[in-house]
């Protein structure tokens, strides 16, 4: 996880949104103590483009991205990098 400067909330830094959502749903549904807390690795904030590129890489490695998803993601990454 990482945290944007000035933000109170943490976000996933390099993928893992689906796993986090599944854990949250398991906790809400079962209240099983195994799902109440998770162990994470904290990484200092780098940039918006770093987070976006890490998520794109994670999704591509898992094979979850079709052609248009990749194209839209790469276009968004290009825009972020140019803005930074």
PDB file of N, CA and C in Angstrom:
ATOM      1  N   UNK A   1       0.843  -1.182   0.000  1.00  0.00           N
ATOM      2  CA  UNK A   1       0.000   0.000   0.000  1.00  0.00           C
ATOM      3  C   UNK A   1       0.882   1.237   0.000  1.00  0.00           C
ATOM      4  N   UNK A   2       0.288   2.343  -0.360  1.00  0.00           N
ATOM      5  CA  UNK A   2       0.960   3.628  -0.324  1.00  0.00           C
ATOM      6  C   UNK A   2      -0.089   4.676   0.049  1.00  0.00           C
ATOM      7  N   UNK A   3       0.350   5.906   0.221  1.00  0.00           N
ATOM      8  CA  UNK A   3      -0.580   6.984   0.564  1.00  0.00           C
ATOM      9  C   UNK A   3      -0.131   8.257  -0.124  1.00  0.00           C
ATOM     10  N   UNK A   4      -1.085   8.882  -0.806  1.00  0.00           N
ATOM     11  CA  UNK A   4      -0.790  10.163  -1.448  1.00  0.00           C
ATOM     12  C   UNK A   4      -0.445  11.190  -0.368  1.00  0.00           C
ATOM     13  N   UNK A   5       0.442  12.122  -0.660  1.00  0.00           N
ATOM     14  CA  UNK A   5       0.762  13.170   0.311  1.00  0.00           C
ATOM     15  C   UNK A   5      -0.497  13.934   0.721  1.00  0.00           C
ATOM     16  N   UNK A   6      -0.681  14.092   2.023  1.00  0.00           N
ATOM     17  CA  UNK A   6      -1.815  14.824   2.546  1.00  0.00           C
ATOM     18  C   UNK A   6      -3.099  14.022   2.662  1.00  0.00           C
ATOM     19  N   UNK A   7      -3.098  12.784   2.198  1.00  0.00           N
ATOM     20  CA  UNK A   7      -4.305  11.953   2.257  1.00  0.00           C
ATOM     21  C   UNK A   7      -4.343  11.152   3.555  1.00  0.00           C
ATOM     22  N   UNK A   8      -5.520  10.929   4.058  1.00  0.00           N
ATOM     23  CA  UNK A   8      -5.687  10.114   5.260  1.00  0.00           C
ATOM     24  C   UNK A   8      -5.842   8.637   4.909  1.00  0.00           C
ATOM     25  N   UNK A   9      -6.141   8.353   3.648  1.00  0.00           N
ATOM     26  CA  UNK A   9      -6.434   6.989   3.226  1.00  0.00           C
ATOM     27  C   UNK A   9      -5.260   6.354   2.480  1.00  0.00           C
ATOM     28  N   UNK A  10      -5.113   5.063   2.668  1.00  0.00           N
ATOM     29  CA  UNK A  10      -4.111   4.286   1.947  1.00  0.00           C
ATOM     30  C   UNK A  10      -4.753   3.680   0.711  1.00  0.00           C
ATOM     31  N   UNK A  11      -3.937   3.436  -0.319  1.00  0.00           N
ATOM     32  CA  UNK A  11      -4.407   2.789  -1.542  1.00  0.00           C
ATOM     33  C   UNK A  11      -3.448   1.664  -1.894  1.00  0.00           C
ATOM     34  N   UNK A  12      -3.941   0.741  -2.709  1.00  0.00           N
ATOM     35  CA  UNK A  12      -3.035  -0.300  -3.184  1.00  0.00           C
ATOM     36  C   UNK A  12      -2.048   0.340  -4.149  1.00  0.00           C
ATOM     37  N   UNK A  13      -0.798  -0.057  -4.035  1.00  0.00           N
ATOM     38  CA  UNK A  13       0.238   0.595  -4.828  1.00  0.00           C
ATOM     39  C   UNK A  13       0.492  -0.126  -6.141  1.00  0.00           C
ATOM     40  N   UNK A  14       0.425  -1.424  -6.137  1.00  0.00           N
ATOM     41  CA  UNK A  14       0.792  -2.173  -7.336  1.00  0.00           C
ATOM     42  C   UNK A  14      -0.173  -3.329  -7.566  1.00  0.00           C
ATOM     43  N   UNK A  15      -1.432  -3.013  -7.683  1.00  0.00           N
ATOM     44  CA  UNK A  15      -2.423  -4.071  -7.884  1.00  0.00           C
ATOM     45  C   UNK A  15      -2.925  -4.606  -6.558  1.00  0.00           C
ATOM     46  N   UNK A  16      -3.812  -5.549  -6.629  1.00  0.00           N
ATOM     47  CA  UNK A  16      -4.349  -6.149  -5.424  1.00  0.00           C
ATOM     48  C   UNK A  16      -5.735  -5.657  -5.054  1.00  0.00           C
ATOM     49  N   UNK A  17      -6.327  -4.803  -5.892  1.00  0.00           N
ATOM     50  CA  UNK A  17      -7.662  -4.287  -5.579  1.00  0.00           C
ATOM     51  C   UNK A  17      -8.696  -5.399  -5.469  1.00  0.00           C
ATOM     52  N   UNK A  18      -8.620  -6.385  -6.358  1.00  0.00           N
ATOM     53  CA  UNK A  18      -9.590  -7.482  -6.336  1.00  0.00           C
ATOM     54  C   UNK A  18      -9.430  -8.317  -5.074  1.00  0.00           C
ATOM     55  N   UNK A  19      -8.189  -8.593  -4.694  1.00  0.00           N
ATOM     56  CA  UNK A  19      -7.947  -9.366  -3.464  1.00  0.00           C
ATOM     57  C   UNK A  19      -8.422  -8.591  -2.236  1.00  0.00           C
ATOM     58  N   UNK A  20      -8.182  -7.285  -2.224  1.00  0.00           N
ATOM     59  CA  UNK A  20      -8.639  -6.464  -1.107  1.00  0.00           C
ATOM     60  C   UNK A  20     -10.160  -6.463  -1.020  1.00  0.00           C
ATOM     61  N   UNK A  21     -10.829  -6.286  -2.150  1.00  0.00           N
ATOM     62  CA  UNK A  21     -12.281  -6.289  -2.173  1.00  0.00           C
ATOM     63  C   UNK A  21     -12.834  -7.639  -1.704  1.00  0.00           C
ATOM     64  N   UNK A  22     -12.233  -8.728  -2.139  1.00  0.00           N
ATOM     65  CA  UNK A  22     -12.682 -10.057  -1.716  1.00  0.00           C
ATOM     66  C   UNK A  22     -12.537 -10.226  -0.207  1.00  0.00           C
ATOM     67  N   UNK A  23     -11.433  -9.763   0.341  1.00  0.00           N
ATOM     68  CA  UNK A  23     -11.219  -9.857   1.787  1.00  0.00           C
ATOM     69  C   UNK A  23     -12.240  -9.013   2.545  1.00  0.00           C
ATOM     70  N   UNK A  24     -12.507  -7.811   2.051  1.00  0.00           N
ATOM     71  CA  UNK A  24     -13.501  -6.945   2.692  1.00  0.00           C
ATOM     72  C   UNK A  24     -14.892  -7.577   2.654  1.00  0.00           C
ATOM     73  N   UNK A  25     -15.231  -8.190   1.538  1.00  0.00           N
ATOM     74  CA  UNK A  25     -16.536  -8.836   1.422  1.00  0.00           C
ATOM     75  C   UNK A  25     -16.637 -10.055   2.338  1.00  0.00           C
ATOM     76  N   UNK A  26     -15.547 -10.828   2.429  1.00  0.00           N
ATOM     77  CA  UNK A  26     -15.548 -11.978   3.336  1.00  0.00           C
ATOM     78  C   UNK A  26     -15.728 -11.523   4.786  1.00  0.00           C
ATOM     79  N   UNK A  27     -15.066 -10.431   5.153  1.00  0.00           N
ATOM     80  CA  UNK A  27     -15.211  -9.907   6.515  1.00  0.00           C
ATOM     81  C   UNK A  27     -16.652  -9.458   6.761  1.00  0.00           C
ATOM     82  N   UNK A  28     -17.219  -8.711   5.817  1.00  0.00           N
ATOM     83  CA  UNK A  28     -18.585  -8.205   5.978  1.00  0.00           C
ATOM     84  C   UNK A  28     -19.602  -9.346   6.070  1.00  0.00           C
ATOM     85  N   UNK A  29     -19.360 -10.392   5.306  1.00  0.00           N
ATOM     86  CA  UNK A  29     -20.309 -11.501   5.265  1.00  0.00           C
ATOM     87  C   UNK A  29     -20.181 -12.450   6.458  1.00  0.00           C
ATOM     88  N   UNK A  30     -18.947 -12.717   6.891  1.00  0.00           N
ATOM     89  CA  UNK A  30     -18.729 -13.770   7.891  1.00  0.00           C
ATOM     90  C   UNK A  30     -18.326 -13.266   9.266  1.00  0.00           C
ATOM     91  N   UNK A  31     -17.725 -12.073   9.310  1.00  0.00           N
ATOM     92  CA  UNK A  31     -17.136 -11.548  10.549  1.00  0.00           C
ATOM     93  C   UNK A  31     -16.096 -12.518  11.130  1.00  0.00           C
ATOM     94  N   UNK A  32     -15.526 -13.327  10.251  1.00  0.00           N
ATOM     95  CA  UNK A  32     -14.473 -14.270  10.648  1.00  0.00           C
ATOM     96  C   UNK A  32     -13.208 -13.468  10.939  1.00  0.00           C
ATOM     97  N   UNK A  33     -12.589 -13.656  12.112  1.00  0.00           N
ATOM     98  CA  UNK A  33     -11.392 -12.889  12.483  1.00  0.00           C
ATOM     99  C   UNK A  33     -10.245 -12.995  11.471  1.00  0.00           C
ATOM    100  N   UNK A  34     -10.223 -14.065  10.668  1.00  0.00           N
ATOM    101  CA  UNK A  34      -9.160 -14.197   9.657  1.00  0.00           C
ATOM    102  C   UNK A  34      -9.216 -13.072   8.635  1.00  0.00           C
ATOM    103  N   UNK A  35     -10.378 -12.473   8.452  1.00  0.00           N
ATOM    104  CA  UNK A  35     -10.547 -11.450   7.424  1.00  0.00           C
ATOM    105  C   UNK A  35     -10.643 -10.039   7.987  1.00  0.00           C
ATOM    106  N   UNK A  36     -10.482  -9.906   9.304  1.00  0.00           N
ATOM    107  CA  UNK A  36     -10.598  -8.585   9.926  1.00  0.00           C
ATOM    108  C   UNK A  36      -9.390  -7.709   9.618  1.00  0.00           C
ATOM    109  N   UNK A  37      -8.212  -8.317   9.591  1.00  0.00           N
ATOM    110  CA  UNK A  37      -6.972  -7.573   9.336  1.00  0.00           C
ATOM    111  C   UNK A  37      -6.171  -8.292   8.266  1.00  0.00           C
ATOM    112  N   UNK A  38      -5.407  -7.503   7.517  1.00  0.00           N
ATOM    113  CA  UNK A  38      -4.511  -8.092   6.527  1.00  0.00           C
ATOM    114  C   UNK A  38      -3.119  -7.501   6.716  1.00  0.00           C
ATOM    115  N   UNK A  39      -2.124  -8.270   6.355  1.00  0.00           N
ATOM    116  CA  UNK A  39      -0.750  -7.794   6.412  1.00  0.00           C
ATOM    117  C   UNK A  39      -0.391  -7.199   5.057  1.00  0.00           C
ATOM    118  N   UNK A  40       0.158  -6.006   5.088  1.00  0.00           N
ATOM    119  CA  UNK A  40       0.535  -5.320   3.849  1.00  0.00           C
ATOM    120  C   UNK A  40       1.964  -4.801   3.963  1.00  0.00           C
ATOM    121  N   UNK A  41       2.518  -4.452   2.827  1.00  0.00           N
ATOM    122  CA  UNK A  41       3.825  -3.804   2.778  1.00  0.00           C
ATOM    123  C   UNK A  41       3.570  -2.348   2.411  1.00  0.00           C
ATOM    124  N   UNK A  42       4.102  -1.429   3.214  1.00  0.00           N
ATOM    125  CA  UNK A  42       3.960  -0.002   2.921  1.00  0.00           C
ATOM    126  C   UNK A  42       5.135   0.450   2.068  1.00  0.00           C
ATOM    127  N   UNK A  43       4.815   1.180   1.005  1.00  0.00           N
ATOM    128  CA  UNK A  43       5.849   1.770   0.162  1.00  0.00           C
ATOM    129  C   UNK A  43       5.603   3.267   0.107  1.00  0.00           C
ATOM    130  N   UNK A  44       6.652   4.066   0.270  1.00  0.00           N
ATOM    131  CA  UNK A  44       6.482   5.526   0.206  1.00  0.00           C
ATOM    132  C   UNK A  44       5.906   5.960  -1.147  1.00  0.00           C
ATOM    133  N   UNK A  45       5.149   7.035  -1.127  1.00  0.00           N
ATOM    134  CA  UNK A  45       4.535   7.577  -2.334  1.00  0.00           C
ATOM    135  C   UNK A  45       5.597   7.979  -3.334  1.00  0.00           C
ATOM    136  N   UNK A  46       5.376   7.651  -4.601  1.00  0.00           N
ATOM    137  CA  UNK A  46       6.280   8.079  -5.673  1.00  0.00           C
ATOM    138  C   UNK A  46       5.579   9.049  -6.610  1.00  0.00           C
ATOM    139  N   UNK A  47       4.502   8.596  -7.239  1.00  0.00           N
ATOM    140  CA  UNK A  47       3.757   9.478  -8.144  1.00  0.00           C
ATOM    141  C   UNK A  47       2.492   8.773  -8.616  1.00  0.00           C
ATOM    142  N   UNK A  48       1.576   9.567  -9.181  1.00  0.00           N
ATOM    143  CA  UNK A  48       0.360   8.989  -9.759  1.00  0.00           C
ATOM    144  C   UNK A  48       0.705   8.055 -10.910  1.00  0.00           C
ATOM    145  N   UNK A  49       1.674   8.470 -11.746  1.00  0.00           N
ATOM    146  CA  UNK A  49       2.042   7.632 -12.890  1.00  0.00           C
ATOM    147  C   UNK A  49       2.652   6.308 -12.442  1.00  0.00           C
ATOM    148  N   UNK A  50       3.388   6.319 -11.342  1.00  0.00           N
ATOM    149  CA  UNK A  50       3.960   5.070 -10.835  1.00  0.00           C
ATOM    150  C   UNK A  50       2.851   4.103 -10.406  1.00  0.00           C
ATOM    151  N   UNK A  51       1.862   4.603  -9.681  1.00  0.00           N
ATOM    152  CA  UNK A  51       0.758   3.749  -9.224  1.00  0.00           C
ATOM    153  C   UNK A  51      -0.008   3.206 -10.428  1.00  0.00           C
ATOM    154  N   UNK A  52      -0.316   4.062 -11.386  1.00  0.00           N
ATOM    155  CA  UNK A  52      -1.052   3.614 -12.568  1.00  0.00           C
ATOM    156  C   UNK A  52      -0.249   2.573 -13.345  1.00  0.00           C
ATOM    157  N   UNK A  53       1.040   2.820 -13.541  1.00  0.00           N
ATOM    158  CA  UNK A  53       1.851   1.853 -14.294  1.00  0.00           C
ATOM    159  C   UNK A  53       1.964   0.531 -13.548  1.00  0.00           C
ATOM    160  N   UNK A  54       2.078   0.564 -12.231  1.00  0.00           N
ATOM    161  CA  UNK A  54       2.151  -0.672 -11.446  1.00  0.00           C
ATOM    162  C   UNK A  54       0.858  -1.477 -11.572  1.00  0.00           C
ATOM    163  N   UNK A  55      -0.284  -0.791 -11.567  1.00  0.00           N
ATOM    164  CA  UNK A  55      -1.562  -1.486 -11.731  1.00  0.00           C
ATOM    165  C   UNK A  55      -1.697  -2.063 -13.139  1.00  0.00           C
ATOM    166  N   UNK A  56      -1.267  -1.312 -14.140  1.00  0.00           N
ATOM    167  CA  UNK A  56      -1.325  -1.823 -15.508  1.00  0.00           C
ATOM    168  C   UNK A  56      -0.460  -3.073 -15.664  1.00  0.00           C
ATOM    169  N   UNK A  57       0.720  -3.057 -15.097  1.00  0.00           N
ATOM    170  CA  UNK A  57       1.616  -4.215 -15.172  1.00  0.00           C
ATOM    171  C   UNK A  57       0.988  -5.414 -14.480  1.00  0.00           C
ATOM    172  N   UNK A  58       0.462  -5.207 -13.285  1.00  0.00           N
ATOM    173  CA  UNK A  58      -0.178  -6.303 -12.533  1.00  0.00           C
ATOM    174  C   UNK A  58      -1.320  -6.920 -13.334  1.00  0.00           C
ATOM    175  N   UNK A  59      -2.187  -6.079 -13.888  1.00  0.00           N
ATOM    176  CA  UNK A  59      -3.321  -6.582 -14.656  1.00  0.00           C
ATOM    177  C   UNK A  59      -2.875  -7.298 -15.924  1.00  0.00           C
ATOM    178  N   UNK A  60      -1.847  -6.784 -16.573  1.00  0.00           N
ATOM    179  CA  UNK A  60      -1.342  -7.416 -17.790  1.00  0.00           C
ATOM    180  C   UNK A  60      -0.719  -8.779 -17.473  1.00  0.00           C
ATOM    181  N   UNK A  61       0.036  -8.867 -16.388  1.00  0.00           N
ATOM    182  CA  UNK A  61       0.664 -10.137 -16.018  1.00  0.00           C
ATOM    183  C   UNK A  61      -0.374 -11.201 -15.670  1.00  0.00           C
ATOM    184  N   UNK A  62      -1.489 -10.790 -15.093  1.00  0.00           N
ATOM    185  CA  UNK A  62      -2.549 -11.745 -14.759  1.00  0.00           C
ATOM    186  C   UNK A  62      -3.386 -12.102 -15.976  1.00  0.00           C
ATOM    187  N   UNK A  63      -3.181 -11.395 -17.079  1.00  0.00           N
ATOM    188  CA  UNK A  63      -3.930 -11.680 -18.293  1.00  0.00           C
ATOM    189  C   UNK A  63      -5.352 -11.163 -18.274  1.00  0.00           C
ATOM    190  N   UNK A  64      -5.619 -10.172 -17.430  1.00  0.00           N
ATOM    191  CA  UNK A  64      -6.974  -9.643 -17.290  1.00  0.00           C
ATOM    192  C   UNK A  64      -7.292  -8.487 -18.241  1.00  0.00           C
ATOM    193  N   UNK A  65      -6.352  -8.140 -19.094  1.00  0.00           N
ATOM    194  CA  UNK A  65      -6.572  -6.952 -19.917  1.00  0.00           C
ATOM    195  C   UNK A  65      -6.690  -7.310 -21.390  1.00  0.00           C
ATOM    196  N   UNK A  66      -7.768  -6.830 -21.989  1.00  0.00           N
ATOM    197  CA  UNK A  66      -7.921  -6.966 -23.426  1.00  0.00           C
ATOM    198  C   UNK A  66      -7.215  -5.810 -24.125  1.00  0.00           C
ATOM    199  N   UNK A  67      -7.260  -5.829 -25.433  1.00  0.00           N
ATOM    200  CA  UNK A  67      -6.576  -4.813 -26.233  1.00  0.00           C
ATOM    201  C   UNK A  67      -7.024  -3.398 -25.860  1.00  0.00           C
ATOM    202  N   UNK A  68      -8.349  -3.168 -25.807  1.00  0.00           N
ATOM    203  CA  UNK A  68      -8.847  -1.815 -25.546  1.00  0.00           C
ATOM    204  C   UNK A  68      -8.527  -1.361 -24.131  1.00  0.00           C
ATOM    205  N   UNK A  69      -8.585  -2.282 -23.170  1.00  0.00           N
ATOM    206  CA  UNK A  69      -8.215  -1.915 -21.796  1.00  0.00           C
ATOM    207  C   UNK A  69      -6.761  -1.472 -21.727  1.00  0.00           C
ATOM    208  N   UNK A  70      -5.890  -2.202 -22.424  1.00  0.00           N
ATOM    209  CA  UNK A  70      -4.468  -1.818 -22.447  1.00  0.00           C
ATOM    210  C   UNK A  70      -4.295  -0.458 -23.116  1.00  0.00           C
ATOM    211  N   UNK A  71      -4.959  -0.267 -24.238  1.00  0.00           N
ATOM    212  CA  UNK A  71      -4.827   0.996 -24.975  1.00  0.00           C
ATOM    213  C   UNK A  71      -5.289   2.177 -24.133  1.00  0.00           C
ATOM    214  N   UNK A  72      -6.426   2.035 -23.463  1.00  0.00           N
ATOM    215  CA  UNK A  72      -6.941   3.112 -22.610  1.00  0.00           C
ATOM    216  C   UNK A  72      -5.999   3.358 -21.435  1.00  0.00           C
ATOM    217  N   UNK A  73      -5.486   2.283 -20.841  1.00  0.00           N
ATOM    218  CA  UNK A  73      -4.562   2.415 -19.717  1.00  0.00           C
ATOM    219  C   UNK A  73      -3.265   3.099 -20.109  1.00  0.00           C
ATOM    220  N   UNK A  74      -2.726   2.716 -21.251  1.00  0.00           N
ATOM    221  CA  UNK A  74      -1.473   3.322 -21.718  1.00  0.00           C
ATOM    222  C   UNK A  74      -1.687   4.787 -22.074  1.00  0.00           C
ATOM    223  N   UNK A  75      -2.827   5.102 -22.652  1.00  0.00           N
ATOM    224  CA  UNK A  75      -3.136   6.498 -22.960  1.00  0.00           C
ATOM    225  C   UNK A  75      -3.246   7.324 -21.680  1.00  0.00           C
ATOM    226  N   UNK A  76      -3.915   6.767 -20.671  1.00  0.00           N
ATOM    227  CA  UNK A  76      -4.034   7.471 -19.387  1.00  0.00           C
ATOM    228  C   UNK A  76      -2.661   7.649 -18.739  1.00  0.00           C
ATOM    229  N   UNK A  77      -1.817   6.623 -18.829  1.00  0.00           N
ATOM    230  CA  UNK A  77      -0.460   6.711 -18.267  1.00  0.00           C
ATOM    231  C   UNK A  77       0.344   7.792 -18.987  1.00  0.00           C
ATOM    232  N   UNK A  78       0.253   7.844 -20.293  1.00  0.00           N
ATOM    233  CA  UNK A  78       0.950   8.874 -21.068  1.00  0.00           C
ATOM    234  C   UNK A  78       0.526  10.267 -20.611  1.00  0.00           C
ATOM    235  N   UNK A  79      -0.770  10.468 -20.429  1.00  0.00           N
ATOM    236  CA  UNK A  79      -1.300  11.762 -19.975  1.00  0.00           C
ATOM    237  C   UNK A  79      -0.764  12.108 -18.591  1.00  0.00           C
ATOM    238  N   UNK A  80      -0.735  11.130 -17.676  1.00  0.00           N
ATOM    239  CA  UNK A  80      -0.218  11.377 -16.315  1.00  0.00           C
ATOM    240  C   UNK A  80       1.262  11.747 -16.359  1.00  0.00           C
ATOM    241  N   UNK A  81       2.043  11.004 -17.131  1.00  0.00           N
ATOM    242  CA  UNK A  81       3.477  11.276 -17.214  1.00  0.00           C
ATOM    243  C   UNK A  81       3.723  12.673 -17.786  1.00  0.00           C
ATOM    244  N   UNK A  82       2.990  13.035 -18.821  1.00  0.00           N
ATOM    245  CA  UNK A  82       3.145  14.373 -19.412  1.00  0.00           C
ATOM    246  C   UNK A  82       2.754  15.459 -18.397  1.00  0.00           C
ATOM    247  N   UNK A  83       1.767  15.182 -17.566  1.00  0.00           N
ATOM    248  CA  UNK A  83       1.339  16.156 -16.559  1.00  0.00           C
ATOM    249  C   UNK A  83       2.320  16.308 -15.422  1.00  0.00           C
ATOM    250  N   UNK A  84       3.041  15.241 -15.139  1.00  0.00           N
ATOM    251  CA  UNK A  84       4.005  15.285 -14.033  1.00  0.00           C
ATOM    252  C   UNK A  84       5.314  15.908 -14.478  1.00  0.00           C
TER     253      UNK A  84
END
